[in-house]
Amino acid sequence: MSYGLGAYKKTSVETASKEQILLMLYQAAIKNTKKAIEAIEQKNLAKKGEYIGKMQDIIVELSNSLDFEVGGDVAKELASLYDYILYSSTQANIKIDKTHLEGCLKVLNTLYDGWTEAIKQIKTQTTNHKSA
């Protein structure tokens, strides 16, 4: 059973567009942040560290993928937000304080919503140009 799920996930990533992969990364970061908050509430320090580590790995990957020549000011803003998330999640990990993670979660949700909307608009514009 788990093999089938793993194969499905692998296939969905391999066939996903760049936009879908970006949204998947944000979804995974959000999920791990929520799990880290739950782990702090349950006083499960090992799980807290594990989930924060997974979230930070995703943020580092997103940060490393920024193209400052193409993205300009947007890329700089994203880099600042990613730095904030990494700093705050590290503080949450050290201080065992979920309020730092709640701040990260707000930023991640805002970014996810923003990218979702931007992708919708790009697809609508592309569709309109093709039919024109």
Protein backbone atom coordinates (compact mmCIF):
# COMPACT_ATOMS: atom_id res chain seq x y z
CA MET A 1 0.00 0.00 0.00
CA SER A 2 2.67 2.53 0.94
CA TYR A 3 4.64 1.63 -2.20
CA GLY A 4 1.66 2.67 -4.33
CA LEU A 5 1.37 5.97 -2.48
CA GLY A 6 5.10 6.61 -2.86
CA ALA A 7 4.97 5.83 -6.57
CA TYR A 8 1.94 8.11 -6.97
CA LYS A 9 3.70 10.98 -5.19
CA LYS A 10 6.85 10.47 -7.26
CA THR A 11 4.84 10.46 -10.49
CA SER A 12 2.87 13.56 -9.48
CA VAL A 13 6.12 15.46 -8.83
CA GLU A 14 7.77 14.22 -12.03
CA THR A 15 4.80 15.28 -14.16
CA ALA A 16 4.12 18.58 -12.36
CA SER A 17 4.76 21.96 -13.93
CA LYS A 18 7.19 24.39 -12.30
CA GLU A 19 4.21 26.27 -10.90
CA GLN A 20 2.70 23.11 -9.41
CA ILE A 21 6.04 22.17 -7.83
CA LEU A 22 6.32 25.64 -6.29
CA LEU A 23 2.85 25.27 -4.75
CA MET A 24 3.69 21.73 -3.56
CA LEU A 25 6.79 23.07 -1.80
CA TYR A 26 4.77 25.75 -0.04
CA GLN A 27 2.12 23.19 0.94
CA ALA A 28 4.81 20.93 2.43
CA ALA A 29 6.41 23.84 4.31
CA ILE A 30 3.01 24.84 5.70
CA LYS A 31 2.23 21.23 6.69
CA ASN A 32 5.57 20.80 8.48
CA THR A 33 5.18 24.14 10.26
CA LYS A 34 1.74 23.09 11.54
CA LYS A 35 3.14 19.74 12.67
CA ALA A 36 6.01 21.49 14.47
CA ILE A 37 3.49 23.71 16.30
CA GLU A 38 1.53 20.59 17.33
CA ALA A 39 4.76 18.91 18.48
CA ILE A 40 5.56 21.91 20.70
CA GLU A 41 2.04 21.80 22.15
CA GLN A 42 2.50 18.08 22.85
CA LYS A 43 6.00 18.70 24.25
CA ASN A 44 7.47 16.28 21.71
CA LEU A 45 10.86 17.92 21.21
CA ALA A 46 12.24 15.30 18.81
CA LYS A 47 9.30 15.71 16.41
CA LYS A 48 9.45 19.51 16.77
CA GLY A 49 13.05 19.50 15.58
CA GLU A 50 12.29 17.06 12.78
CA TYR A 51 9.40 19.10 11.38
CA ILE A 52 11.23 22.41 11.71
CA GLY A 53 14.21 20.85 9.92
CA LYS A 54 12.00 19.67 7.04
CA MET A 55 10.37 23.08 6.73
CA GLN A 56 13.76 24.81 6.77
CA ASP A 57 15.09 22.47 4.07
CA ILE A 58 12.19 23.52 1.83
CA ILE A 59 12.76 27.22 2.54
CA VAL A 60 16.49 26.88 1.78
CA GLU A 61 15.58 25.19 -1.52
CA LEU A 62 13.12 27.98 -2.39
CA SER A 63 15.71 30.58 -1.47
CA ASN A 64 18.42 28.90 -3.56
CA SER A 65 16.09 28.86 -6.58
CA LEU A 66 15.61 32.65 -6.60
CA ASP A 67 16.86 34.36 -9.76
CA PHE A 68 17.78 37.94 -8.84
CA GLU A 69 18.48 38.96 -12.44
CA VAL A 70 15.02 37.95 -13.62
CA GLY A 71 13.11 38.51 -10.37
CA GLY A 72 14.64 41.82 -9.35
CA ASP A 73 12.87 43.43 -6.40
CA VAL A 74 10.41 40.53 -6.05
CA ALA A 75 13.30 38.08 -5.63
CA LYS A 76 14.89 40.39 -3.03
CA GLU A 77 11.61 40.59 -1.11
CA LEU A 78 11.21 36.81 -1.22
CA ALA A 79 14.82 36.36 -0.03
CA SER A 80 14.05 38.63 2.95
CA LEU A 81 10.91 36.68 3.78
CA TYR A 82 12.75 33.37 3.52
CA ASP A 83 15.49 34.74 5.82
CA TYR A 84 12.80 35.78 8.30
CA ILE A 85 11.24 32.30 8.21
CA LEU A 86 14.60 30.61 8.73
CA TYR A 87 15.50 32.94 11.61
CA SER A 88 12.10 32.67 13.31
CA SER A 89 11.91 28.90 12.96
CA THR A 90 15.41 28.59 14.42
CA GLN A 91 14.30 30.73 17.37
CA ALA A 92 11.22 28.52 17.77
CA ASN A 93 13.44 25.46 17.78
CA ILE A 94 15.87 26.88 20.35
CA LYS A 95 13.28 28.50 22.63
CA ILE A 96 10.61 25.81 22.14
CA ASP A 97 8.16 28.62 21.38
CA LYS A 98 5.35 28.14 18.91
CA THR A 99 4.68 31.89 18.52
CA HIS A 100 7.74 32.13 16.24
CA LEU A 101 6.31 29.33 14.10
CA GLU A 102 2.90 30.97 13.99
CA GLY A 103 4.59 34.01 12.43
CA CYS A 104 6.25 31.73 9.89
CA LEU A 105 2.92 30.11 9.14
CA LYS A 106 1.28 33.49 8.41
CA VAL A 107 4.05 34.38 5.96
CA LEU A 108 3.94 30.96 4.28
CA ASN A 109 0.15 31.08 3.91
CA THR A 110 0.34 34.60 2.46
CA LEU A 111 3.01 33.54 -0.02
CA TYR A 112 1.07 30.41 -0.98
CA ASP A 113 -2.11 32.41 -1.55
CA GLY A 114 -0.21 35.03 -3.55
CA TRP A 115 1.47 32.46 -5.79
CA THR A 116 -1.82 30.60 -6.27
CA GLU A 117 -3.48 33.80 -7.45
CA ALA A 118 -0.53 34.81 -9.65
CA ILE A 119 -0.51 31.40 -11.35
CA LYS A 120 -4.27 31.62 -11.98
CA GLN A 121 -3.83 35.04 -13.58
CA ILE A 122 -0.96 33.84 -15.78
CA LYS A 123 -3.01 30.85 -16.94
CA THR A 124 -6.00 33.10 -17.67
CA GLN A 125 -3.82 35.52 -19.66
CA THR A 126 -2.20 32.65 -21.57
CA THR A 127 -5.59 31.15 -22.37
CA ASN A 128 -6.94 34.53 -23.50
CA HIS A 129 -3.94 35.14 -25.77
CA LYS A 130 -4.25 31.70 -27.36
CA SER A 131 -7.94 32.17 -28.13
CA ALA A 132 -7.50 35.70 -29.47
